[in-house]
Amino acid sequence: MKLKLSYSKLIDAKKGLEFLGTKELSYRTALKISKNLKTIQELLAHYLEESVKLEEKYLEKDEHGEYVIEGGGLKLKSETKDEYWERKKELDNFEVEIDLYQINITNLDGVKVLPEVAGALEFLVKDTMKKESDLL
């Protein structure tokens, strides 16, 4: 199914699919998960390239060219902090088209997941148990 999703949604979906990938599932469902993961990873390669560009431009480096760590995280250049967060938000919310396999919820019977995982994968899971009247 063709979808238009933000990079942040794809990152969450990747985590959810990786979790499902550790479960024992039917061959067909496992194959769909594997193919979806591969497709998402290919798209996220561009996201990572752009993230690195943002880091190069907005993160502070020491005299050896290493990123400065402050308070458990990387230190932003103080004069461009707001601009960094604006660009980062734009990147995270940037939508890309992707073609993914839908997973039938009945093929996940018996798989226990946290609500966070269920929410991240909701757009991928087809609930065949729903009646048309439930969708209105």
N, C-alpha and C. Protein backbone atom coordinates (compact mmCIF):
# COMPACT_ATOMS: atom_id res chain seq x y z
N MET A 1 0.84 -1.17 0.00
CA MET A 1 0.00 0.00 0.00
C MET A 1 0.89 1.23 0.00
N LYS A 2 0.52 2.19 -0.84
CA LYS A 2 1.29 3.44 -0.93
C LYS A 2 0.84 4.39 0.17
N LEU A 3 1.84 4.96 0.85
CA LEU A 3 1.57 5.89 1.95
C LEU A 3 2.48 7.09 1.83
N LYS A 4 2.07 8.17 2.48
CA LYS A 4 2.90 9.35 2.62
C LYS A 4 3.11 9.54 4.13
N LEU A 5 4.35 9.34 4.58
CA LEU A 5 4.65 9.36 6.01
C LEU A 5 5.84 10.26 6.31
N SER A 6 5.84 10.83 7.49
CA SER A 6 6.96 11.66 7.93
C SER A 6 8.12 10.78 8.35
N TYR A 7 9.31 11.36 8.33
CA TYR A 7 10.48 10.61 8.78
C TYR A 7 10.33 10.16 10.23
N SER A 8 9.75 11.00 11.08
CA SER A 8 9.59 10.61 12.49
C SER A 8 8.66 9.41 12.61
N LYS A 9 7.61 9.35 11.79
CA LYS A 9 6.70 8.20 11.80
C LYS A 9 7.43 6.95 11.31
N LEU A 10 8.29 7.11 10.32
CA LEU A 10 9.06 5.97 9.80
C LEU A 10 10.05 5.45 10.84
N ILE A 11 10.64 6.34 11.60
CA ILE A 11 11.58 5.93 12.66
C ILE A 11 10.84 5.10 13.70
N ASP A 12 9.66 5.56 14.10
CA ASP A 12 8.86 4.81 15.07
C ASP A 12 8.44 3.46 14.50
N ALA A 13 8.02 3.45 13.23
CA ALA A 13 7.59 2.19 12.60
C ALA A 13 8.76 1.22 12.51
N LYS A 14 9.94 1.73 12.21
CA LYS A 14 11.13 0.88 12.13
C LYS A 14 11.37 0.18 13.46
N LYS A 15 11.26 0.91 14.55
CA LYS A 15 11.46 0.33 15.88
C LYS A 15 10.41 -0.75 16.15
N GLY A 16 9.16 -0.47 15.80
CA GLY A 16 8.08 -1.43 16.00
C GLY A 16 8.29 -2.69 15.17
N LEU A 17 8.69 -2.52 13.91
CA LEU A 17 8.93 -3.67 13.04
C LEU A 17 10.13 -4.48 13.51
N GLU A 18 11.15 -3.79 14.02
CA GLU A 18 12.30 -4.52 14.56
C GLU A 18 11.88 -5.37 15.76
N PHE A 19 10.99 -4.84 16.58
CA PHE A 19 10.47 -5.62 17.71
C PHE A 19 9.73 -6.84 17.20
N LEU A 20 8.82 -6.65 16.25
CA LEU A 20 8.07 -7.79 15.71
C LEU A 20 9.00 -8.80 15.04
N GLY A 21 10.09 -8.30 14.51
CA GLY A 21 11.06 -9.18 13.86
C GLY A 21 11.73 -10.16 14.80
N THR A 22 11.61 -9.93 16.10
CA THR A 22 12.19 -10.85 17.09
C THR A 22 11.20 -11.92 17.51
N LYS A 23 9.98 -11.83 17.00
CA LYS A 23 8.92 -12.77 17.38
C LYS A 23 8.80 -13.89 16.36
N GLU A 24 8.31 -15.03 16.82
CA GLU A 24 8.07 -16.14 15.92
C GLU A 24 6.71 -15.94 15.25
N LEU A 25 6.74 -15.75 13.94
CA LEU A 25 5.53 -15.45 13.17
C LEU A 25 5.46 -16.38 11.96
N SER A 26 4.32 -16.36 11.30
CA SER A 26 4.22 -17.16 10.07
C SER A 26 5.23 -16.63 9.06
N TYR A 27 5.61 -17.49 8.13
CA TYR A 27 6.59 -17.10 7.11
C TYR A 27 6.12 -15.87 6.34
N ARG A 28 4.87 -15.87 5.93
CA ARG A 28 4.32 -14.77 5.14
C ARG A 28 4.40 -13.44 5.90
N THR A 29 4.02 -13.46 7.18
CA THR A 29 4.06 -12.24 7.99
C THR A 29 5.50 -11.80 8.24
N ALA A 30 6.38 -12.77 8.52
CA ALA A 30 7.79 -12.44 8.74
C ALA A 30 8.40 -11.82 7.49
N LEU A 31 8.03 -12.34 6.33
CA LEU A 31 8.55 -11.81 5.07
C LEU A 31 8.06 -10.37 4.84
N LYS A 32 6.80 -10.11 5.13
CA LYS A 32 6.27 -8.74 5.00
C LYS A 32 7.02 -7.79 5.93
N ILE A 33 7.25 -8.22 7.15
CA ILE A 33 7.97 -7.39 8.12
C ILE A 33 9.39 -7.12 7.63
N SER A 34 10.05 -8.16 7.15
CA SER A 34 11.41 -8.02 6.64
C SER A 34 11.48 -7.06 5.46
N LYS A 35 10.56 -7.19 4.51
CA LYS A 35 10.54 -6.31 3.33
C LYS A 35 10.21 -4.87 3.73
N ASN A 36 9.28 -4.70 4.66
CA ASN A 36 8.94 -3.35 5.13
C ASN A 36 10.14 -2.70 5.81
N LEU A 37 10.85 -3.47 6.63
CA LEU A 37 12.03 -2.93 7.30
C LEU A 37 13.08 -2.48 6.29
N LYS A 38 13.32 -3.29 5.29
CA LYS A 38 14.31 -2.95 4.26
C LYS A 38 13.92 -1.66 3.54
N THR A 39 12.66 -1.54 3.18
CA THR A 39 12.17 -0.35 2.48
C THR A 39 12.32 0.89 3.36
N ILE A 40 11.96 0.77 4.62
CA ILE A 40 12.06 1.90 5.55
C ILE A 40 13.53 2.29 5.76
N GLN A 41 14.39 1.30 5.93
CA GLN A 41 15.82 1.59 6.15
C GLN A 41 16.43 2.33 4.96
N GLU A 42 16.02 1.95 3.75
CA GLU A 42 16.52 2.64 2.56
C GLU A 42 16.10 4.11 2.56
N LEU A 43 14.86 4.38 2.94
CA LEU A 43 14.40 5.78 3.00
C LEU A 43 15.07 6.55 4.13
N LEU A 44 15.30 5.87 5.24
CA LEU A 44 15.91 6.55 6.39
C LEU A 44 17.39 6.86 6.16
N ALA A 45 18.01 6.23 5.18
CA ALA A 45 19.41 6.55 4.86
C ALA A 45 19.51 8.03 4.47
N HIS A 46 18.54 8.52 3.70
CA HIS A 46 18.52 9.94 3.32
C HIS A 46 18.33 10.82 4.56
N TYR A 47 17.44 10.41 5.44
CA TYR A 47 17.20 11.15 6.68
C TYR A 47 18.50 11.26 7.48
N LEU A 48 19.23 10.16 7.58
CA LEU A 48 20.48 10.17 8.35
C LEU A 48 21.52 11.09 7.71
N GLU A 49 21.59 11.09 6.39
CA GLU A 49 22.51 11.99 5.69
C GLU A 49 22.18 13.44 6.02
N GLU A 50 20.91 13.78 5.98
CA GLU A 50 20.50 15.15 6.27
C GLU A 50 20.73 15.49 7.74
N SER A 51 20.55 14.53 8.63
CA SER A 51 20.81 14.75 10.06
C SER A 51 22.28 15.07 10.30
N VAL A 52 23.14 14.34 9.60
CA VAL A 52 24.59 14.58 9.73
C VAL A 52 24.94 15.99 9.26
N LYS A 53 24.31 16.43 8.16
CA LYS A 53 24.54 17.79 7.67
C LYS A 53 24.13 18.83 8.72
N LEU A 54 22.99 18.59 9.37
CA LEU A 54 22.54 19.51 10.42
C LEU A 54 23.54 19.53 11.57
N GLU A 55 24.01 18.36 11.97
CA GLU A 55 24.98 18.28 13.06
C GLU A 55 26.25 19.03 12.71
N GLU A 56 26.73 18.83 11.49
CA GLU A 56 27.95 19.51 11.04
C GLU A 56 27.79 21.04 11.11
N LYS A 57 26.60 21.49 10.76
CA LYS A 57 26.37 22.93 10.70
C LYS A 57 26.09 23.56 12.07
N TYR A 58 25.37 22.84 12.94
CA TYR A 58 24.85 23.46 14.16
C TYR A 58 25.44 22.97 15.47
N LEU A 59 26.21 21.90 15.46
CA LEU A 59 26.78 21.41 16.71
C LEU A 59 28.19 21.96 16.91
N GLU A 60 28.49 22.23 18.15
CA GLU A 60 29.79 22.79 18.50
C GLU A 60 30.86 21.70 18.52
N LYS A 61 32.04 22.05 18.00
CA LYS A 61 33.18 21.13 18.00
C LYS A 61 34.34 21.75 18.78
N ASP A 62 35.16 20.88 19.35
CA ASP A 62 36.34 21.37 20.07
C ASP A 62 37.50 21.58 19.09
N GLU A 63 38.68 21.90 19.62
CA GLU A 63 39.85 22.19 18.78
C GLU A 63 40.35 20.97 18.00
N HIS A 64 39.90 19.77 18.38
CA HIS A 64 40.29 18.53 17.68
C HIS A 64 39.25 18.09 16.67
N GLY A 65 38.20 18.89 16.51
CA GLY A 65 37.15 18.55 15.56
C GLY A 65 36.12 17.57 16.09
N GLU A 66 36.16 17.32 17.40
CA GLU A 66 35.20 16.40 18.03
C GLU A 66 34.01 17.21 18.55
N TYR A 67 32.83 16.59 18.51
CA TYR A 67 31.66 17.27 19.05
C TYR A 67 31.80 17.45 20.55
N VAL A 68 31.34 18.61 21.04
CA VAL A 68 31.40 18.93 22.46
C VAL A 68 30.18 18.33 23.14
N ILE A 69 30.43 17.62 24.24
CA ILE A 69 29.35 17.01 25.01
C ILE A 69 29.10 17.87 26.23
N GLU A 70 27.81 18.15 26.46
CA GLU A 70 27.42 18.99 27.59
C GLU A 70 26.10 18.47 28.15
N GLY A 71 26.07 18.21 29.43
CA GLY A 71 24.84 17.76 30.09
C GLY A 71 24.31 16.45 29.54
N GLY A 72 25.19 15.56 29.14
CA GLY A 72 24.78 14.26 28.64
C GLY A 72 24.39 14.24 27.17
N GLY A 73 24.53 15.36 26.48
CA GLY A 73 24.19 15.42 25.06
C GLY A 73 25.19 16.28 24.30
N LEU A 74 25.00 16.36 23.02
CA LEU A 74 25.88 17.17 22.19
C LEU A 74 25.48 18.65 22.32
N LYS A 75 26.49 19.51 22.34
CA LYS A 75 26.26 20.93 22.54
C LYS A 75 26.00 21.65 21.22
N LEU A 76 24.91 22.40 21.20
CA LEU A 76 24.57 23.21 20.04
C LEU A 76 25.31 24.54 20.11
N LYS A 77 25.64 25.09 18.95
CA LYS A 77 26.20 26.44 18.91
C LYS A 77 25.12 27.38 19.42
N SER A 78 25.43 28.17 20.43
CA SER A 78 24.41 28.98 21.08
C SER A 78 23.73 29.98 20.15
N GLU A 79 24.46 30.53 19.19
CA GLU A 79 23.88 31.54 18.32
C GLU A 79 22.90 30.97 17.28
N THR A 80 22.93 29.66 17.08
CA THR A 80 22.05 29.06 16.07
C THR A 80 21.14 27.96 16.64
N LYS A 81 20.96 27.95 17.95
CA LYS A 81 20.15 26.92 18.60
C LYS A 81 18.73 26.85 18.05
N ASP A 82 18.07 28.00 17.99
CA ASP A 82 16.69 28.04 17.52
C ASP A 82 16.58 27.59 16.06
N GLU A 83 17.54 28.02 15.26
CA GLU A 83 17.55 27.64 13.85
C GLU A 83 17.74 26.13 13.71
N TYR A 84 18.60 25.54 14.53
CA TYR A 84 18.81 24.09 14.49
C TYR A 84 17.50 23.35 14.78
N TRP A 85 16.82 23.73 15.86
CA TRP A 85 15.58 23.04 16.23
C TRP A 85 14.50 23.21 15.16
N GLU A 86 14.49 24.36 14.52
CA GLU A 86 13.53 24.59 13.44
C GLU A 86 13.83 23.66 12.26
N ARG A 87 15.09 23.57 11.87
CA ARG A 87 15.50 22.70 10.76
C ARG A 87 15.29 21.22 11.10
N LYS A 88 15.58 20.87 12.34
CA LYS A 88 15.42 19.48 12.78
C LYS A 88 13.94 19.09 12.73
N LYS A 89 13.07 19.99 13.18
CA LYS A 89 11.63 19.73 13.15
C LYS A 89 11.15 19.59 11.71
N GLU A 90 11.64 20.45 10.81
CA GLU A 90 11.30 20.35 9.40
C GLU A 90 11.69 19.00 8.83
N LEU A 91 12.90 18.55 9.16
CA LEU A 91 13.38 17.27 8.67
C LEU A 91 12.54 16.12 9.23
N ASP A 92 12.29 16.14 10.53
CA ASP A 92 11.50 15.07 11.16
C ASP A 92 10.09 14.98 10.57
N ASN A 93 9.51 16.13 10.22
CA ASN A 93 8.14 16.17 9.72
C ASN A 93 8.04 16.06 8.20
N PHE A 94 9.19 16.02 7.52
CA PHE A 94 9.19 15.91 6.07
C PHE A 94 8.55 14.59 5.66
N GLU A 95 7.60 14.65 4.73
CA GLU A 95 6.87 13.45 4.33
C GLU A 95 7.44 12.88 3.03
N VAL A 96 7.54 11.55 3.02
CA VAL A 96 8.02 10.83 1.85
C VAL A 96 6.99 9.77 1.47
N GLU A 97 6.98 9.43 0.19
CA GLU A 97 6.08 8.37 -0.27
C GLU A 97 6.79 7.03 -0.10
N ILE A 98 6.03 6.05 0.34
CA ILE A 98 6.60 4.73 0.58
C ILE A 98 5.54 3.68 0.28
N ASP A 99 5.98 2.55 -0.22
CA ASP A 99 5.09 1.44 -0.54
C ASP A 99 5.42 0.31 0.43
N LEU A 100 4.46 -0.01 1.31
CA LEU A 100 4.67 -1.02 2.34
C LEU A 100 3.60 -2.11 2.26
N TYR A 101 3.94 -3.26 2.79
CA TYR A 101 2.99 -4.36 2.88
C TYR A 101 2.16 -4.20 4.15
N GLN A 102 0.88 -4.37 4.02
CA GLN A 102 -0.01 -4.32 5.18
C GLN A 102 0.01 -5.67 5.88
N ILE A 103 -0.10 -5.66 7.20
CA ILE A 103 -0.06 -6.88 8.00
C ILE A 103 -1.44 -7.10 8.60
N ASN A 104 -1.96 -8.28 8.42
CA ASN A 104 -3.28 -8.62 8.96
C ASN A 104 -3.14 -8.87 10.46
N ILE A 105 -4.00 -8.23 11.23
CA ILE A 105 -3.92 -8.32 12.69
C ILE A 105 -4.07 -9.76 13.18
N THR A 106 -4.81 -10.57 12.46
CA THR A 106 -4.98 -11.97 12.90
C THR A 106 -3.67 -12.74 12.83
N ASN A 107 -2.73 -12.29 12.01
CA ASN A 107 -1.41 -12.93 11.91
C ASN A 107 -0.50 -12.56 13.08
N LEU A 108 -0.97 -11.65 13.91
CA LEU A 108 -0.19 -11.23 15.08
C LEU A 108 -0.82 -11.73 16.38
N ASP A 109 -1.82 -12.61 16.26
CA ASP A 109 -2.45 -13.18 17.46
C ASP A 109 -1.40 -13.83 18.34
N GLY A 110 -1.49 -13.55 19.61
CA GLY A 110 -0.55 -14.13 20.57
C GLY A 110 0.71 -13.31 20.76
N VAL A 111 0.94 -12.32 19.93
CA VAL A 111 2.13 -11.47 20.06
C VAL A 111 1.79 -10.34 21.03
N LYS A 112 2.55 -10.25 22.10
CA LYS A 112 2.32 -9.20 23.09
C LYS A 112 3.23 -8.01 22.78
N VAL A 113 2.61 -6.83 22.71
CA VAL A 113 3.36 -5.61 22.42
C VAL A 113 2.93 -4.51 23.38
N LEU A 114 3.82 -3.57 23.59
CA LEU A 114 3.50 -2.38 24.38
C LEU A 114 2.62 -1.46 23.53
N PRO A 115 1.81 -0.63 24.18
CA PRO A 115 0.99 0.33 23.43
C PRO A 115 1.81 1.21 22.49
N GLU A 116 3.03 1.52 22.88
CA GLU A 116 3.91 2.34 22.06
C GLU A 116 4.18 1.67 20.70
N VAL A 117 4.41 0.37 20.73
CA VAL A 117 4.66 -0.38 19.49
C VAL A 117 3.37 -0.46 18.67
N ALA A 118 2.26 -0.74 19.33
CA ALA A 118 0.98 -0.83 18.63
C ALA A 118 0.65 0.50 17.94
N GLY A 119 0.88 1.59 18.62
CA GLY A 119 0.62 2.91 18.04
C GLY A 119 1.53 3.21 16.85
N ALA A 120 2.78 2.80 16.95
CA ALA A 120 3.75 3.05 15.87
C ALA A 120 3.41 2.28 14.61
N LEU A 121 2.73 1.14 14.77
CA LEU A 121 2.44 0.27 13.63
C LEU A 121 0.97 0.29 13.20
N GLU A 122 0.18 1.10 13.86
CA GLU A 122 -1.26 1.12 13.61
C GLU A 122 -1.61 1.29 12.13
N PHE A 123 -0.88 2.14 11.43
CA PHE A 123 -1.17 2.40 10.02
C PHE A 123 -0.85 1.19 9.13
N LEU A 124 -0.06 0.25 9.63
CA LEU A 124 0.35 -0.92 8.84
C LEU A 124 -0.53 -2.14 9.08
N VAL A 125 -1.23 -2.14 10.20
CA VAL A 125 -1.98 -3.33 10.60
C VAL A 125 -3.43 -3.21 10.13
N LYS A 126 -3.85 -4.23 9.42
CA LYS A 126 -5.21 -4.28 8.91
C LYS A 126 -6.05 -5.12 9.86
N ASP A 127 -7.07 -4.50 10.40
CA ASP A 127 -7.96 -5.20 11.33
C ASP A 127 -9.15 -5.73 10.55
N THR A 128 -9.10 -7.00 10.18
CA THR A 128 -10.19 -7.60 9.40
C THR A 128 -11.40 -7.89 10.25
N MET A 129 -11.27 -7.74 11.55
CA MET A 129 -12.38 -8.02 12.46
C MET A 129 -13.35 -6.85 12.54
N LYS A 130 -12.89 -5.65 12.14
CA LYS A 130 -13.75 -4.47 12.20
C LYS A 130 -14.86 -4.56 11.17
N LYS A 131 -16.02 -4.15 11.57
CA LYS A 131 -17.14 -4.07 10.64
C LYS A 131 -17.13 -2.70 10.01
N GLU A 132 -17.73 -2.58 8.87
CA GLU A 132 -17.77 -1.29 8.19
C GLU A 132 -18.42 -0.22 9.07
N SER A 133 -19.42 -0.62 9.86
CA SER A 133 -20.11 0.34 10.72
C SER A 133 -19.18 0.89 11.82
N ASP A 134 -18.14 0.11 12.19
CA ASP A 134 -17.18 0.58 13.20
C ASP A 134 -16.29 1.69 12.65
N LEU A 135 -16.16 1.76 11.35
CA LEU A 135 -15.27 2.72 10.72
C LEU A 135 -15.91 4.07 10.50
N LEU A 136 -17.22 4.15 10.63
CA LEU A 136 -17.92 5.41 10.37
C LEU A 136 -17.94 6.32 11.55
